[in-house]
N, C-alpha and C. Protein backbone atom coordinates (compact mmCIF):
# COMPACT_ATOMS: atom_id res chain seq x y z
N MET A 1 39.22 -14.69 96.10
CA MET A 1 38.43 -15.21 95.00
C MET A 1 39.18 -14.91 93.70
N PRO A 2 39.36 -15.91 92.84
CA PRO A 2 40.06 -15.68 91.57
C PRO A 2 39.26 -14.77 90.65
N GLU A 3 40.01 -14.00 89.85
CA GLU A 3 39.37 -13.09 88.90
C GLU A 3 38.74 -13.88 87.75
N ALA A 4 37.54 -13.50 87.37
CA ALA A 4 36.84 -14.20 86.28
C ALA A 4 37.56 -13.94 84.96
N ILE A 5 37.65 -14.96 84.17
CA ILE A 5 38.26 -14.84 82.84
C ILE A 5 37.19 -14.34 81.89
N PRO A 6 37.45 -13.21 81.21
CA PRO A 6 36.43 -12.72 80.29
C PRO A 6 36.25 -13.66 79.11
N SER A 7 35.02 -13.71 78.61
CA SER A 7 34.77 -14.57 77.45
C SER A 7 35.39 -13.91 76.21
N PRO A 8 35.77 -14.70 75.23
CA PRO A 8 36.39 -14.14 74.02
C PRO A 8 35.41 -13.23 73.28
N PHE A 9 35.96 -12.23 72.64
CA PHE A 9 35.19 -11.29 71.83
C PHE A 9 35.55 -11.58 70.39
N HIS A 10 34.61 -12.08 69.60
CA HIS A 10 34.88 -12.52 68.23
C HIS A 10 34.63 -11.39 67.23
N VAL A 11 35.67 -11.07 66.47
CA VAL A 11 35.62 -9.98 65.50
C VAL A 11 35.86 -10.53 64.10
N LEU A 12 35.04 -10.11 63.14
CA LEU A 12 35.28 -10.40 61.73
C LEU A 12 35.65 -9.08 61.08
N SER A 13 36.89 -8.98 60.62
CA SER A 13 37.38 -7.76 59.99
C SER A 13 37.70 -8.05 58.53
N LEU A 14 37.09 -7.28 57.63
CA LEU A 14 37.23 -7.54 56.19
C LEU A 14 37.95 -6.37 55.53
N SER A 15 38.93 -6.68 54.71
CA SER A 15 39.67 -5.62 54.02
C SER A 15 38.93 -5.18 52.76
N GLY A 16 39.35 -4.03 52.26
CA GLY A 16 38.80 -3.51 51.02
C GLY A 16 39.49 -4.14 49.83
N GLY A 17 39.37 -3.51 48.70
CA GLY A 17 40.03 -4.03 47.51
C GLY A 17 39.15 -4.05 46.29
N GLY A 18 38.03 -3.32 46.33
CA GLY A 18 37.17 -3.26 45.16
C GLY A 18 36.62 -4.62 44.78
N PHE A 19 36.79 -4.96 43.51
CA PHE A 19 36.23 -6.21 42.99
C PHE A 19 36.84 -7.44 43.66
N PHE A 20 38.00 -7.29 44.31
CA PHE A 20 38.59 -8.42 45.00
C PHE A 20 37.76 -8.85 46.21
N GLY A 21 36.79 -8.01 46.61
CA GLY A 21 35.85 -8.40 47.65
C GLY A 21 35.06 -9.64 47.26
N LEU A 22 34.98 -9.91 45.96
CA LEU A 22 34.29 -11.11 45.48
C LEU A 22 34.94 -12.36 46.06
N TYR A 23 36.26 -12.35 46.16
CA TYR A 23 36.94 -13.51 46.75
C TYR A 23 36.54 -13.65 48.22
N SER A 24 36.60 -12.55 48.98
CA SER A 24 36.26 -12.60 50.40
C SER A 24 34.84 -13.11 50.62
N VAL A 25 33.90 -12.55 49.87
CA VAL A 25 32.50 -12.93 50.08
C VAL A 25 32.26 -14.36 49.60
N SER A 26 33.04 -14.86 48.66
CA SER A 26 32.91 -16.27 48.24
C SER A 26 33.32 -17.21 49.36
N VAL A 27 34.40 -16.87 50.03
CA VAL A 27 34.85 -17.68 51.18
C VAL A 27 33.81 -17.60 52.30
N LEU A 28 33.31 -16.40 52.56
CA LEU A 28 32.30 -16.23 53.60
C LEU A 28 31.02 -16.99 53.28
N ALA A 29 30.63 -17.03 52.02
CA ALA A 29 29.43 -17.78 51.62
C ALA A 29 29.61 -19.26 51.89
N ALA A 30 30.81 -19.79 51.64
CA ALA A 30 31.06 -21.21 51.90
C ALA A 30 31.02 -21.49 53.40
N ILE A 31 31.57 -20.59 54.20
CA ILE A 31 31.55 -20.77 55.66
C ILE A 31 30.12 -20.68 56.18
N GLU A 32 29.37 -19.71 55.68
CA GLU A 32 27.99 -19.54 56.12
C GLU A 32 27.14 -20.75 55.75
N LYS A 33 27.36 -21.28 54.57
CA LYS A 33 26.63 -22.47 54.12
C LYS A 33 26.92 -23.64 55.06
N GLU A 34 28.16 -23.81 55.42
CA GLU A 34 28.56 -24.90 56.31
C GLU A 34 27.99 -24.69 57.72
N ALA A 35 27.98 -23.43 58.17
CA ALA A 35 27.47 -23.12 59.52
C ALA A 35 25.96 -23.31 59.60
N GLY A 36 25.27 -23.07 58.49
CA GLY A 36 23.83 -23.25 58.48
C GLY A 36 23.05 -22.12 59.14
N ARG A 37 23.70 -20.99 59.33
CA ARG A 37 23.02 -19.83 59.91
C ARG A 37 23.78 -18.57 59.52
N PRO A 38 23.15 -17.39 59.67
CA PRO A 38 23.82 -16.16 59.27
C PRO A 38 25.14 -15.95 60.01
N LEU A 39 26.16 -15.51 59.30
CA LEU A 39 27.48 -15.31 59.90
C LEU A 39 27.45 -14.30 61.04
N ALA A 40 26.60 -13.30 60.95
CA ALA A 40 26.55 -12.27 61.99
C ALA A 40 26.29 -12.86 63.37
N ARG A 41 25.60 -13.98 63.42
CA ARG A 41 25.30 -14.61 64.71
C ARG A 41 26.52 -15.28 65.34
N ASN A 42 27.61 -15.35 64.59
CA ASN A 42 28.82 -16.01 65.09
C ASN A 42 29.87 -15.02 65.57
N PHE A 43 29.61 -13.73 65.44
CA PHE A 43 30.60 -12.71 65.79
C PHE A 43 29.97 -11.64 66.67
N ASP A 44 30.82 -11.04 67.50
CA ASP A 44 30.39 -9.93 68.34
C ASP A 44 30.51 -8.60 67.61
N LEU A 45 31.42 -8.53 66.63
CA LEU A 45 31.65 -7.30 65.89
C LEU A 45 32.03 -7.64 64.46
N LEU A 46 31.40 -6.97 63.51
CA LEU A 46 31.76 -7.10 62.09
C LEU A 46 32.23 -5.73 61.64
N ALA A 47 33.39 -5.67 60.99
CA ALA A 47 33.96 -4.40 60.56
C ALA A 47 34.70 -4.60 59.25
N GLY A 48 34.98 -3.50 58.58
CA GLY A 48 35.74 -3.60 57.35
C GLY A 48 36.06 -2.23 56.80
N THR A 49 36.98 -2.22 55.85
CA THR A 49 37.33 -0.99 55.17
C THR A 49 36.85 -1.08 53.73
N SER A 50 36.34 0.03 53.22
CA SER A 50 35.90 0.12 51.83
C SER A 50 34.88 -0.97 51.53
N VAL A 51 35.13 -1.78 50.51
CA VAL A 51 34.15 -2.81 50.14
C VAL A 51 34.00 -3.85 51.26
N GLY A 52 35.05 -4.05 52.06
CA GLY A 52 34.94 -4.95 53.21
C GLY A 52 33.91 -4.45 54.21
N GLY A 53 33.82 -3.11 54.36
CA GLY A 53 32.81 -2.52 55.23
C GLY A 53 31.42 -2.70 54.69
N ILE A 54 31.29 -2.62 53.37
CA ILE A 54 29.98 -2.83 52.74
C ILE A 54 29.53 -4.27 52.94
N ILE A 55 30.46 -5.21 52.75
CA ILE A 55 30.13 -6.62 52.99
C ILE A 55 29.76 -6.83 54.46
N ALA A 56 30.53 -6.22 55.39
CA ALA A 56 30.25 -6.35 56.82
C ALA A 56 28.85 -5.82 57.15
N LEU A 57 28.46 -4.69 56.54
CA LEU A 57 27.12 -4.15 56.78
C LEU A 57 26.03 -5.12 56.33
N GLY A 58 26.24 -5.72 55.15
CA GLY A 58 25.27 -6.70 54.67
C GLY A 58 25.17 -7.90 55.59
N LEU A 59 26.32 -8.41 56.01
CA LEU A 59 26.32 -9.57 56.91
C LEU A 59 25.69 -9.23 58.25
N ALA A 60 25.96 -8.01 58.77
CA ALA A 60 25.39 -7.60 60.05
C ALA A 60 23.87 -7.51 59.97
N ALA A 61 23.35 -7.18 58.78
CA ALA A 61 21.90 -7.14 58.56
C ALA A 61 21.34 -8.53 58.23
N GLU A 62 22.19 -9.54 58.34
CA GLU A 62 21.86 -10.93 58.07
C GLU A 62 21.42 -11.17 56.63
N VAL A 63 21.99 -10.38 55.71
CA VAL A 63 21.83 -10.67 54.28
C VAL A 63 22.71 -11.88 54.02
N PRO A 64 22.20 -12.94 53.42
CA PRO A 64 23.04 -14.12 53.18
C PRO A 64 24.28 -13.77 52.34
N ALA A 65 25.42 -14.32 52.73
CA ALA A 65 26.67 -14.06 52.01
C ALA A 65 26.54 -14.48 50.54
N ALA A 66 25.79 -15.53 50.28
CA ALA A 66 25.60 -15.97 48.89
C ALA A 66 24.86 -14.91 48.08
N GLU A 67 23.96 -14.18 48.72
CA GLU A 67 23.23 -13.11 48.03
C GLU A 67 24.17 -11.92 47.75
N ILE A 68 25.05 -11.62 48.69
CA ILE A 68 26.04 -10.55 48.48
C ILE A 68 26.98 -10.96 47.35
N LYS A 69 27.38 -12.22 47.34
CA LYS A 69 28.24 -12.73 46.27
C LYS A 69 27.55 -12.59 44.92
N SER A 70 26.27 -12.94 44.85
CA SER A 70 25.52 -12.81 43.60
C SER A 70 25.47 -11.36 43.12
N ALA A 71 25.33 -10.43 44.07
CA ALA A 71 25.32 -9.00 43.71
C ALA A 71 26.66 -8.59 43.10
N PHE A 72 27.75 -9.09 43.66
CA PHE A 72 29.08 -8.83 43.09
C PHE A 72 29.16 -9.37 41.67
N GLU A 73 28.71 -10.60 41.49
CA GLU A 73 28.81 -11.24 40.17
C GLU A 73 27.93 -10.54 39.14
N ARG A 74 26.74 -10.10 39.54
CA ARG A 74 25.82 -9.43 38.61
C ARG A 74 26.24 -8.00 38.29
N ASN A 75 26.69 -7.28 39.30
CA ASN A 75 26.89 -5.84 39.16
C ASN A 75 28.32 -5.36 39.32
N GLY A 76 29.25 -6.28 39.55
CA GLY A 76 30.62 -5.89 39.86
C GLY A 76 31.28 -4.98 38.85
N THR A 77 31.19 -5.30 37.57
CA THR A 77 31.86 -4.46 36.57
C THR A 77 31.18 -3.11 36.45
N ALA A 78 29.89 -3.02 36.68
CA ALA A 78 29.18 -1.73 36.62
C ALA A 78 29.55 -0.87 37.83
N ILE A 79 29.78 -1.49 38.97
CA ILE A 79 30.10 -0.75 40.18
C ILE A 79 31.57 -0.32 40.20
N PHE A 80 32.46 -1.24 39.90
CA PHE A 80 33.88 -0.98 40.08
C PHE A 80 34.56 -0.43 38.84
N SER A 81 34.29 -0.93 37.68
CA SER A 81 34.86 -0.42 36.44
C SER A 81 34.44 -1.34 35.30
N GLU A 82 34.92 -1.05 34.13
CA GLU A 82 34.63 -1.89 32.97
C GLU A 82 35.57 -3.09 32.91
N ARG A 83 36.51 -3.15 33.84
CA ARG A 83 37.43 -4.28 33.85
C ARG A 83 36.69 -5.57 34.18
N PRO A 84 37.16 -6.69 33.66
CA PRO A 84 36.53 -7.97 34.01
C PRO A 84 36.84 -8.33 35.47
N ALA A 85 36.17 -9.35 35.94
CA ALA A 85 36.42 -9.83 37.30
C ALA A 85 37.89 -10.18 37.47
N PRO A 86 38.43 -10.08 38.70
CA PRO A 86 39.84 -10.36 38.93
C PRO A 86 40.24 -11.77 38.52
N THR A 87 41.47 -11.89 38.01
CA THR A 87 42.04 -13.19 37.66
C THR A 87 43.43 -13.29 38.26
N THR A 88 43.94 -14.49 38.31
CA THR A 88 45.31 -14.69 38.77
C THR A 88 46.27 -14.25 37.67
N ARG A 89 47.54 -14.25 37.96
CA ARG A 89 48.50 -13.85 36.92
C ARG A 89 48.53 -14.82 35.75
N TRP A 90 47.93 -15.98 35.92
CA TRP A 90 47.86 -16.97 34.83
C TRP A 90 46.54 -16.90 34.09
N GLY A 91 45.72 -15.89 34.41
CA GLY A 91 44.46 -15.70 33.71
C GLY A 91 43.29 -16.49 34.24
N ARG A 92 43.49 -17.21 35.33
CA ARG A 92 42.39 -17.99 35.90
C ARG A 92 41.55 -17.08 36.81
N PRO A 93 40.25 -17.37 36.94
CA PRO A 93 39.42 -16.57 37.86
C PRO A 93 39.94 -16.72 39.28
N THR A 94 39.86 -15.64 40.06
CA THR A 94 40.29 -15.73 41.45
C THR A 94 39.30 -16.50 42.30
N VAL A 95 38.08 -16.64 41.81
CA VAL A 95 37.06 -17.40 42.51
C VAL A 95 36.84 -18.70 41.75
N SER A 96 36.99 -19.80 42.45
CA SER A 96 36.89 -21.11 41.82
C SER A 96 35.45 -21.43 41.44
N THR A 97 35.28 -22.15 40.36
CA THR A 97 33.96 -22.65 39.98
C THR A 97 33.74 -24.06 40.52
N ARG A 98 34.73 -24.59 41.21
CA ARG A 98 34.59 -25.91 41.82
C ARG A 98 33.65 -25.84 43.02
N PRO A 99 33.15 -26.97 43.49
CA PRO A 99 32.26 -26.95 44.65
C PRO A 99 32.94 -26.25 45.83
N GLU A 100 32.12 -25.58 46.65
CA GLU A 100 32.65 -24.85 47.78
C GLU A 100 33.24 -25.81 48.80
N PRO A 101 34.35 -25.40 49.47
CA PRO A 101 34.97 -26.26 50.47
C PRO A 101 34.10 -26.34 51.72
N THR A 102 34.32 -27.35 52.51
CA THR A 102 33.64 -27.45 53.79
C THR A 102 34.61 -27.05 54.88
N CYS A 103 34.09 -26.58 55.97
CA CYS A 103 34.94 -26.17 57.09
C CYS A 103 35.48 -27.41 57.79
N ALA A 104 36.76 -27.37 58.12
CA ALA A 104 37.37 -28.51 58.78
C ALA A 104 37.07 -28.52 60.27
N ARG A 105 36.90 -27.32 60.85
CA ARG A 105 36.70 -27.23 62.28
C ARG A 105 35.74 -26.09 62.59
N ALA A 106 34.90 -26.27 63.56
CA ALA A 106 33.96 -25.22 63.93
C ALA A 106 34.51 -24.46 65.13
N SER A 107 34.21 -23.17 65.22
CA SER A 107 34.61 -22.38 66.37
C SER A 107 33.58 -22.59 67.47
N PRO A 108 33.88 -22.13 68.70
CA PRO A 108 32.90 -22.30 69.78
C PRO A 108 31.56 -21.65 69.47
N LYS A 109 31.55 -20.55 68.73
CA LYS A 109 30.29 -19.90 68.39
C LYS A 109 29.65 -20.51 67.15
N MET A 110 30.36 -21.37 66.44
CA MET A 110 29.85 -21.99 65.23
C MET A 110 29.96 -23.51 65.39
N PRO A 111 29.12 -24.11 66.21
CA PRO A 111 29.24 -25.55 66.41
C PRO A 111 29.00 -26.33 65.14
N ALA A 112 29.68 -27.43 65.03
CA ALA A 112 29.51 -28.29 63.86
C ALA A 112 28.11 -28.87 63.87
N ARG A 113 27.54 -28.97 62.67
CA ARG A 113 26.22 -29.60 62.57
C ARG A 113 26.40 -31.10 62.65
N PRO A 114 25.44 -31.80 63.21
CA PRO A 114 25.52 -33.26 63.24
C PRO A 114 25.54 -33.79 61.82
N SER A 115 26.33 -34.83 61.58
CA SER A 115 26.47 -35.37 60.23
C SER A 115 25.17 -35.91 59.67
N ALA A 116 24.22 -36.26 60.54
CA ALA A 116 22.95 -36.79 60.07
C ALA A 116 22.11 -35.73 59.36
N THR A 117 22.42 -34.42 59.60
CA THR A 117 21.63 -33.36 58.98
C THR A 117 22.20 -32.93 57.65
N ARG A 118 23.37 -33.42 57.28
CA ARG A 118 23.96 -33.03 56.00
C ARG A 118 23.22 -33.70 54.87
N GLY A 119 23.07 -32.94 53.78
CA GLY A 119 22.30 -33.49 52.67
C GLY A 119 23.06 -33.79 51.49
């Protein structure tokens, strides 16, 4: 009898970086919005270092990524320092104010929503 192939184990690992976590959580908010459900339901393990761990804890508790992003935007300078939010070397914000991107492809745990449900 052939050996059973184990199912994949999906891990979301988030790095630290202080206020730069705003970029990570912005991307996660766009993915979560496209998925239409909490990100924690798409992974077997959520982990992170420093602020990435804090974001992972929030996501694991099914706090919406957009809510975590809002907390960064409201309280980031009070939490991390008096410095302004991160910018690129050209002075632009690291987080775009343009509409959030849509996911090009869904993973097996994050099936694409039918196009008829998009608003």
